[in-house]
Amino acid sequence: MKGYARLKNACKYADVSQTTMRNWFSNGLKFSKVKGILLIKLTDIDNYIAQYSKDSDRRASAIASEVLNDLQYAH
């Protein structure tokens, strides 16, 4: 698959929820809005995900700690 997708199809492509995708936008995933339609370039999704797969174990531990910390304060 190549090109751009609307939010719903981009979420299916990445196998994540719309909430997760919107969090990714907040964390740097690029998107475009054309006449009110949100479009995400599929290669940008691939690149966004890939940046985390290249991280060291230390970075993965830091991300996990951050998520657990956020969950603790969410309750």
PDB file of N, CA and C in Angstrom:
ATOM      1  N   MET A   1       0.841  -1.179   0.000  1.00  0.00           N
ATOM      2  CA  MET A   1       0.000   0.000   0.000  1.00  0.00           C
ATOM      3  C   MET A   1       0.884   1.239   0.000  1.00  0.00           C
ATOM      4  N   LYS A   2       0.462   2.226  -0.734  1.00  0.00           N
ATOM      5  CA  LYS A   2       1.295   3.393  -0.909  1.00  0.00           C
ATOM      6  C   LYS A   2       0.412   4.617  -1.025  1.00  0.00           C
ATOM      7  N   GLY A   3       0.931   5.768  -0.702  1.00  0.00           N
ATOM      8  CA  GLY A   3       0.164   6.995  -0.831  1.00  0.00           C
ATOM      9  C   GLY A   3      -0.334   7.524   0.509  1.00  0.00           C
ATOM     10  N   TYR A   4      -1.541   8.070   0.486  1.00  0.00           N
ATOM     11  CA  TYR A   4      -2.143   8.681   1.662  1.00  0.00           C
ATOM     12  C   TYR A   4      -3.402   7.923   2.068  1.00  0.00           C
ATOM     13  N   ALA A   5      -3.759   8.041   3.343  1.00  0.00           N
ATOM     14  CA  ALA A   5      -4.985   7.413   3.848  1.00  0.00           C
ATOM     15  C   ALA A   5      -5.676   8.379   4.791  1.00  0.00           C
ATOM     16  N   ARG A   6      -6.988   8.271   4.837  1.00  0.00           N
ATOM     17  CA  ARG A   6      -7.750   9.000   5.843  1.00  0.00           C
ATOM     18  C   ARG A   6      -7.493   8.349   7.191  1.00  0.00           C
ATOM     19  N   LEU A   7      -7.887   9.023   8.255  1.00  0.00           N
ATOM     20  CA  LEU A   7      -7.582   8.578   9.614  1.00  0.00           C
ATOM     21  C   LEU A   7      -7.991   7.127   9.855  1.00  0.00           C
ATOM     22  N   LYS A   8      -9.213   6.781   9.516  1.00  0.00           N
ATOM     23  CA  LYS A   8      -9.711   5.423   9.781  1.00  0.00           C
ATOM     24  C   LYS A   8      -8.863   4.360   9.085  1.00  0.00           C
ATOM     25  N   ASN A   9      -8.536   4.588   7.823  1.00  0.00           N
ATOM     26  CA  ASN A   9      -7.728   3.613   7.087  1.00  0.00           C
ATOM     27  C   ASN A   9      -6.271   3.614   7.534  1.00  0.00           C
ATOM     28  N   ALA A  10      -5.770   4.775   7.955  1.00  0.00           N
ATOM     29  CA  ALA A  10      -4.409   4.839   8.481  1.00  0.00           C
ATOM     30  C   ALA A  10      -4.310   4.027   9.776  1.00  0.00           C
ATOM     31  N   CYS A  11      -5.356   4.098  10.593  1.00  0.00           N
ATOM     32  CA  CYS A  11      -5.386   3.317  11.834  1.00  0.00           C
ATOM     33  C   CYS A  11      -5.412   1.824  11.527  1.00  0.00           C
ATOM     34  N   LYS A  12      -6.196   1.438  10.536  1.00  0.00           N
ATOM     35  CA  LYS A  12      -6.219   0.031  10.129  1.00  0.00           C
ATOM     36  C   LYS A  12      -4.849  -0.400   9.624  1.00  0.00           C
ATOM     37  N   TYR A  13      -4.222   0.456   8.837  1.00  0.00           N
ATOM     38  CA  TYR A  13      -2.895   0.164   8.281  1.00  0.00           C
ATOM     39  C   TYR A  13      -1.885  -0.104   9.394  1.00  0.00           C
ATOM     40  N   ALA A  14      -1.918   0.738  10.434  1.00  0.00           N
ATOM     41  CA  ALA A  14      -0.968   0.607  11.538  1.00  0.00           C
ATOM     42  C   ALA A  14      -1.465  -0.329  12.633  1.00  0.00           C
ATOM     43  N   ASP A  15      -2.718  -0.761  12.539  1.00  0.00           N
ATOM     44  CA  ASP A  15      -3.345  -1.632  13.530  1.00  0.00           C
ATOM     45  C   ASP A  15      -3.357  -0.988  14.919  1.00  0.00           C
ATOM     46  N   VAL A  16      -3.784   0.291  14.942  1.00  0.00           N
ATOM     47  CA  VAL A  16      -3.902   1.027  16.203  1.00  0.00           C
ATOM     48  C   VAL A  16      -5.247   1.751  16.238  1.00  0.00           C
ATOM     49  N   SER A  17      -5.633   2.200  17.411  1.00  0.00           N
ATOM     50  CA  SER A  17      -6.877   2.955  17.566  1.00  0.00           C
ATOM     51  C   SER A  17      -6.680   4.399  17.100  1.00  0.00           C
ATOM     52  N   GLN A  18      -7.803   5.096  16.924  1.00  0.00           N
ATOM     53  CA  GLN A  18      -7.724   6.508  16.552  1.00  0.00           C
ATOM     54  C   GLN A  18      -7.087   7.327  17.671  1.00  0.00           C
ATOM     55  N   THR A  19      -7.317   6.932  18.904  1.00  0.00           N
ATOM     56  CA  THR A  19      -6.695   7.628  20.036  1.00  0.00           C
ATOM     57  C   THR A  19      -5.179   7.507  19.959  1.00  0.00           C
ATOM     58  N   THR A  20      -4.699   6.298  19.683  1.00  0.00           N
ATOM     59  CA  THR A  20      -3.254   6.090  19.557  1.00  0.00           C
ATOM     60  C   THR A  20      -2.691   6.907  18.407  1.00  0.00           C
ATOM     61  N   MET A  21      -3.373   6.888  17.269  1.00  0.00           N
ATOM     62  CA  MET A  21      -2.898   7.646  16.108  1.00  0.00           C
ATOM     63  C   MET A  21      -2.836   9.128  16.437  1.00  0.00           C
ATOM     64  N   ARG A  22      -3.833   9.653  17.140  1.00  0.00           N
ATOM     65  CA  ARG A  22      -3.827  11.075  17.515  1.00  0.00           C
ATOM     66  C   ARG A  22      -2.690  11.377  18.508  1.00  0.00           C
ATOM     67  N   ASN A  23      -2.386  10.426  19.369  1.00  0.00           N
ATOM     68  CA  ASN A  23      -1.228  10.590  20.260  1.00  0.00           C
ATOM     69  C   ASN A  23       0.057  10.632  19.448  1.00  0.00           C
ATOM     70  N   TRP A  24       0.130   9.815  18.423  1.00  0.00           N
ATOM     71  CA  TRP A  24       1.300   9.832  17.548  1.00  0.00           C
ATOM     72  C   TRP A  24       1.448  11.193  16.875  1.00  0.00           C
ATOM     73  N   PHE A  25       0.324  11.811  16.489  1.00  0.00           N
ATOM     74  CA  PHE A  25       0.390  13.155  15.903  1.00  0.00           C
ATOM     75  C   PHE A  25       1.032  14.117  16.906  1.00  0.00           C
ATOM     76  N   SER A  26       0.628  14.003  18.168  1.00  0.00           N
ATOM     77  CA  SER A  26       1.178  14.864  19.221  1.00  0.00           C
ATOM     78  C   SER A  26       2.665  14.617  19.426  1.00  0.00           C
ATOM     79  N   ASN A  27       3.107  13.405  19.093  1.00  0.00           N
ATOM     80  CA  ASN A  27       4.513  13.035  19.270  1.00  0.00           C
ATOM     81  C   ASN A  27       5.324  13.166  17.991  1.00  0.00           C
ATOM     82  N   GLY A  28       4.754  13.777  16.960  1.00  0.00           N
ATOM     83  CA  GLY A  28       5.554  14.087  15.775  1.00  0.00           C
ATOM     84  C   GLY A  28       5.149  13.438  14.465  1.00  0.00           C
ATOM     85  N   LEU A  29       4.191  12.524  14.466  1.00  0.00           N
ATOM     86  CA  LEU A  29       3.750  11.944  13.200  1.00  0.00           C
ATOM     87  C   LEU A  29       3.104  13.043  12.365  1.00  0.00           C
ATOM     88  N   LYS A  30       3.542  13.183  11.128  1.00  0.00           N
ATOM     89  CA  LYS A  30       3.033  14.227  10.246  1.00  0.00           C
ATOM     90  C   LYS A  30       1.669  13.840   9.681  1.00  0.00           C
ATOM     91  N   PHE A  31       0.870  14.850   9.412  1.00  0.00           N
ATOM     92  CA  PHE A  31      -0.409  14.654   8.731  1.00  0.00           C
ATOM     93  C   PHE A  31      -0.747  15.929   7.983  1.00  0.00           C
ATOM     94  N   SER A  32      -1.681  15.817   7.061  1.00  0.00           N
ATOM     95  CA  SER A  32      -2.156  16.977   6.301  1.00  0.00           C
ATOM     96  C   SER A  32      -3.660  17.071   6.468  1.00  0.00           C
ATOM     97  N   LYS A  33      -4.167  18.265   6.333  1.00  0.00           N
ATOM     98  CA  LYS A  33      -5.606  18.472   6.380  1.00  0.00           C
ATOM     99  C   LYS A  33      -5.979  19.253   5.125  1.00  0.00           C
ATOM    100  N   VAL A  34      -6.769  18.614   4.261  1.00  0.00           N
ATOM    101  CA  VAL A  34      -7.181  19.221   3.009  1.00  0.00           C
ATOM    102  C   VAL A  34      -8.700  19.343   3.007  1.00  0.00           C
ATOM    103  N   LYS A  35      -9.180  20.560   3.009  1.00  0.00           N
ATOM    104  CA  LYS A  35     -10.620  20.824   3.032  1.00  0.00           C
ATOM    105  C   LYS A  35     -11.316  20.024   4.124  1.00  0.00           C
ATOM    106  N   GLY A  36     -10.704  20.012   5.296  1.00  0.00           N
ATOM    107  CA  GLY A  36     -11.283  19.340   6.456  1.00  0.00           C
ATOM    108  C   GLY A  36     -11.041  17.846   6.520  1.00  0.00           C
ATOM    109  N   ILE A  37     -10.366  17.289   5.528  1.00  0.00           N
ATOM    110  CA  ILE A  37     -10.087  15.843   5.516  1.00  0.00           C
ATOM    111  C   ILE A  37      -8.653  15.615   5.981  1.00  0.00           C
ATOM    112  N   LEU A  38      -8.518  14.829   7.043  1.00  0.00           N
ATOM    113  CA  LEU A  38      -7.213  14.515   7.596  1.00  0.00           C
ATOM    114  C   LEU A  38      -6.592  13.378   6.793  1.00  0.00           C
ATOM    115  N   LEU A  39      -5.387  13.595   6.287  1.00  0.00           N
ATOM    116  CA  LEU A  39      -4.685  12.599   5.482  1.00  0.00           C
ATOM    117  C   LEU A  39      -3.317  12.321   6.070  1.00  0.00           C
ATOM    118  N   ILE A  40      -2.952  11.045   6.089  1.00  0.00           N
ATOM    119  CA  ILE A  40      -1.670  10.625   6.627  1.00  0.00           C
ATOM    120  C   ILE A  40      -0.928   9.849   5.540  1.00  0.00           C
ATOM    121  N   LYS A  41       0.299  10.227   5.303  1.00  0.00           N
ATOM    122  CA  LYS A  41       1.127   9.527   4.324  1.00  0.00           C
ATOM    123  C   LYS A  41       1.573   8.205   4.944  1.00  0.00           C
ATOM    124  N   LEU A  42       1.325   7.112   4.250  1.00  0.00           N
ATOM    125  CA  LEU A  42       1.606   5.794   4.816  1.00  0.00           C
ATOM    126  C   LEU A  42       3.091   5.583   5.086  1.00  0.00           C
ATOM    127  N   THR A  43       3.941   6.139   4.246  1.00  0.00           N
ATOM    128  CA  THR A  43       5.376   6.004   4.520  1.00  0.00           C
ATOM    129  C   THR A  43       5.771   6.764   5.781  1.00  0.00           C
ATOM    130  N   ASP A  44       5.034   7.838   6.116  1.00  0.00           N
ATOM    131  CA  ASP A  44       5.302   8.558   7.373  1.00  0.00           C
ATOM    132  C   ASP A  44       4.952   7.680   8.574  1.00  0.00           C
ATOM    133  N   ILE A  45       3.888   6.891   8.448  1.00  0.00           N
ATOM    134  CA  ILE A  45       3.542   5.945   9.524  1.00  0.00           C
ATOM    135  C   ILE A  45       4.655   4.917   9.674  1.00  0.00           C
ATOM    136  N   ASP A  46       5.102   4.362   8.562  1.00  0.00           N
ATOM    137  CA  ASP A  46       6.186   3.372   8.600  1.00  0.00           C
ATOM    138  C   ASP A  46       7.438   3.950   9.258  1.00  0.00           C
ATOM    139  N   ASN A  47       7.790   5.167   8.873  1.00  0.00           N
ATOM    140  CA  ASN A  47       8.981   5.809   9.431  1.00  0.00           C
ATOM    141  C   ASN A  47       8.822   6.122  10.914  1.00  0.00           C
ATOM    142  N   TYR A  48       7.635   6.539  11.302  1.00  0.00           N
ATOM    143  CA  TYR A  48       7.377   6.840  12.712  1.00  0.00           C
ATOM    144  C   TYR A  48       7.555   5.585  13.563  1.00  0.00           C
ATOM    145  N   ILE A  49       6.966   4.488  13.113  1.00  0.00           N
ATOM    146  CA  ILE A  49       7.080   3.225  13.850  1.00  0.00           C
ATOM    147  C   ILE A  49       8.524   2.733  13.849  1.00  0.00           C
ATOM    148  N   ALA A  50       9.196   2.846  12.723  1.00  0.00           N
ATOM    149  CA  ALA A  50      10.568   2.353  12.590  1.00  0.00           C
ATOM    150  C   ALA A  50      11.535   3.052  13.537  1.00  0.00           C
ATOM    151  N   GLN A  51      11.262   4.314  13.843  1.00  0.00           N
ATOM    152  CA  GLN A  51      12.188   5.026  14.734  1.00  0.00           C
ATOM    153  C   GLN A  51      12.241   4.371  16.116  1.00  0.00           C
ATOM    154  N   TYR A  52      11.178   3.703  16.508  1.00  0.00           N
ATOM    155  CA  TYR A  52      11.158   3.039  17.805  1.00  0.00           C
ATOM    156  C   TYR A  52      11.778   1.651  17.742  1.00  0.00           C
ATOM    157  N   SER A  53      11.719   1.003  16.602  1.00  0.00           N
ATOM    158  CA  SER A  53      12.298  -0.331  16.495  1.00  0.00           C
ATOM    159  C   SER A  53      13.821  -0.281  16.458  1.00  0.00           C
ATOM    160  N   LYS A  54      14.379   0.868  16.160  1.00  0.00           N
ATOM    161  CA  LYS A  54      15.825   1.010  16.095  1.00  0.00           C
ATOM    162  C   LYS A  54      16.434   1.442  17.428  1.00  0.00           C
ATOM    163  N   ASP A  55      15.583   1.779  18.389  1.00  0.00           N
ATOM    164  CA  ASP A  55      16.074   2.239  19.682  1.00  0.00           C
ATOM    165  C   ASP A  55      16.715   1.101  20.456  1.00  0.00           C
ATOM    166  N   SER A  56      17.596   1.464  21.338  1.00  0.00           N
ATOM    167  CA  SER A  56      18.251   0.479  22.192  1.00  0.00           C
ATOM    168  C   SER A  56      17.296  -0.009  23.272  1.00  0.00           C
ATOM    169  N   ASP A  57      17.693  -1.050  23.959  1.00  0.00           N
ATOM    170  CA  ASP A  57      16.905  -1.570  25.068  1.00  0.00           C
ATOM    171  C   ASP A  57      16.693  -0.501  26.128  1.00  0.00           C
ATOM    172  N   ARG A  58      17.685   0.355  26.323  1.00  0.00           N
ATOM    173  CA  ARG A  58      17.569   1.429  27.309  1.00  0.00           C
ATOM    174  C   ARG A  58      16.426   2.375  26.945  1.00  0.00           C
ATOM    175  N   ARG A  59      16.316   2.717  25.672  1.00  0.00           N
ATOM    176  CA  ARG A  59      15.239   3.610  25.220  1.00  0.00           C
ATOM    177  C   ARG A  59      13.892   2.920  25.399  1.00  0.00           C
ATOM    178  N   ALA A  60      13.813   1.637  25.081  1.00  0.00           N
ATOM    179  CA  ALA A  60      12.561   0.894  25.241  1.00  0.00           C
ATOM    180  C   ALA A  60      12.160   0.865  26.711  1.00  0.00           C
ATOM    181  N   SER A  61      13.125   0.701  27.600  1.00  0.00           N
ATOM    182  CA  SER A  61      12.835   0.708  29.034  1.00  0.00           C
ATOM    183  C   SER A  61      12.321   2.072  29.474  1.00  0.00           C
ATOM    184  N   ALA A  62      12.898   3.124  28.925  1.00  0.00           N
ATOM    185  CA  ALA A  62      12.465   4.473  29.277  1.00  0.00           C
ATOM    186  C   ALA A  62      11.034   4.712  28.809  1.00  0.00           C
ATOM    187  N   ILE A  63      10.708   4.241  27.617  1.00  0.00           N
ATOM    188  CA  ILE A  63       9.350   4.389  27.094  1.00  0.00           C
ATOM    189  C   ILE A  63       8.374   3.612  27.970  1.00  0.00           C
ATOM    190  N   ALA A  64       8.723   2.381  28.324  1.00  0.00           N
ATOM    191  CA  ALA A  64       7.858   1.554  29.168  1.00  0.00           C
ATOM    192  C   ALA A  64       7.645   2.218  30.526  1.00  0.00           C
ATOM    193  N   SER A  65       8.698   2.763  31.096  1.00  0.00           N
ATOM    194  CA  SER A  65       8.580   3.444  32.387  1.00  0.00           C
ATOM    195  C   SER A  65       7.673   4.657  32.280  1.00  0.00           C
ATOM    196  N   GLU A  66       7.808   5.396  31.193  1.00  0.00           N
ATOM    197  CA  GLU A  66       6.968   6.575  30.988  1.00  0.00           C
ATOM    198  C   GLU A  66       5.491   6.185  30.873  1.00  0.00           C
ATOM    199  N   VAL A  67       5.209   5.123  30.136  1.00  0.00           N
ATOM    200  CA  VAL A  67       3.826   4.652  29.979  1.00  0.00           C
ATOM    201  C   VAL A  67       3.262   4.205  31.321  1.00  0.00           C
ATOM    202  N   LEU A  68       4.037   3.435  32.068  1.00  0.00           N
ATOM    203  CA  LEU A  68       3.581   2.970  33.375  1.00  0.00           C
ATOM    204  C   LEU A  68       3.347   4.148  34.321  1.00  0.00           C
ATOM    205  N   ASN A  69       4.217   5.124  34.269  1.00  0.00           N
ATOM    206  CA  ASN A  69       4.066   6.316  35.095  1.00  0.00           C
ATOM    207  C   ASN A  69       2.789   7.069  34.719  1.00  0.00           C
ATOM    208  N   ASP A  70       2.540   7.215  33.420  1.00  0.00           N
ATOM    209  CA  ASP A  70       1.323   7.884  32.961  1.00  0.00           C
ATOM    210  C   ASP A  70       0.079   7.137  33.425  1.00  0.00           C
ATOM    211  N   LEU A  71       0.118   5.819  33.377  1.00  0.00           N
ATOM    212  CA  LEU A  71      -1.023   5.023  33.818  1.00  0.00           C
ATOM    213  C   LEU A  71      -1.268   5.197  35.309  1.00  0.00           C
ATOM    214  N   GLN A  72      -0.197   5.286  36.066  1.00  0.00           N
ATOM    215  CA  GLN A  72      -0.314   5.459  37.511  1.00  0.00           C
ATOM    216  C   GLN A  72      -1.022   6.775  37.844  1.00  0.00           C
ATOM    217  N   TYR A  73      -0.690   7.840  37.116  1.00  0.00           N
ATOM    218  CA  TYR A  73      -1.284   9.145  37.396  1.00  0.00           C
ATOM    219  C   TYR A  73      -2.650   9.318  36.751  1.00  0.00           C
ATOM    220  N   ALA A  74      -3.019   8.423  35.843  1.00  0.00           N
ATOM    221  CA  ALA A  74      -4.318   8.512  35.182  1.00  0.00           C
ATOM    222  C   ALA A  74      -5.441   8.047  36.102  1.00  0.00           C
ATOM    223  N   HIS A  75      -5.103   7.296  37.107  1.00  0.00           N
ATOM    224  CA  HIS A  75      -6.138   6.762  38.015  1.00  0.00           C
ATOM    225  C   HIS A  75      -6.333   7.677  39.150  1.00  0.00           C
TER     226      HIS A  75
END
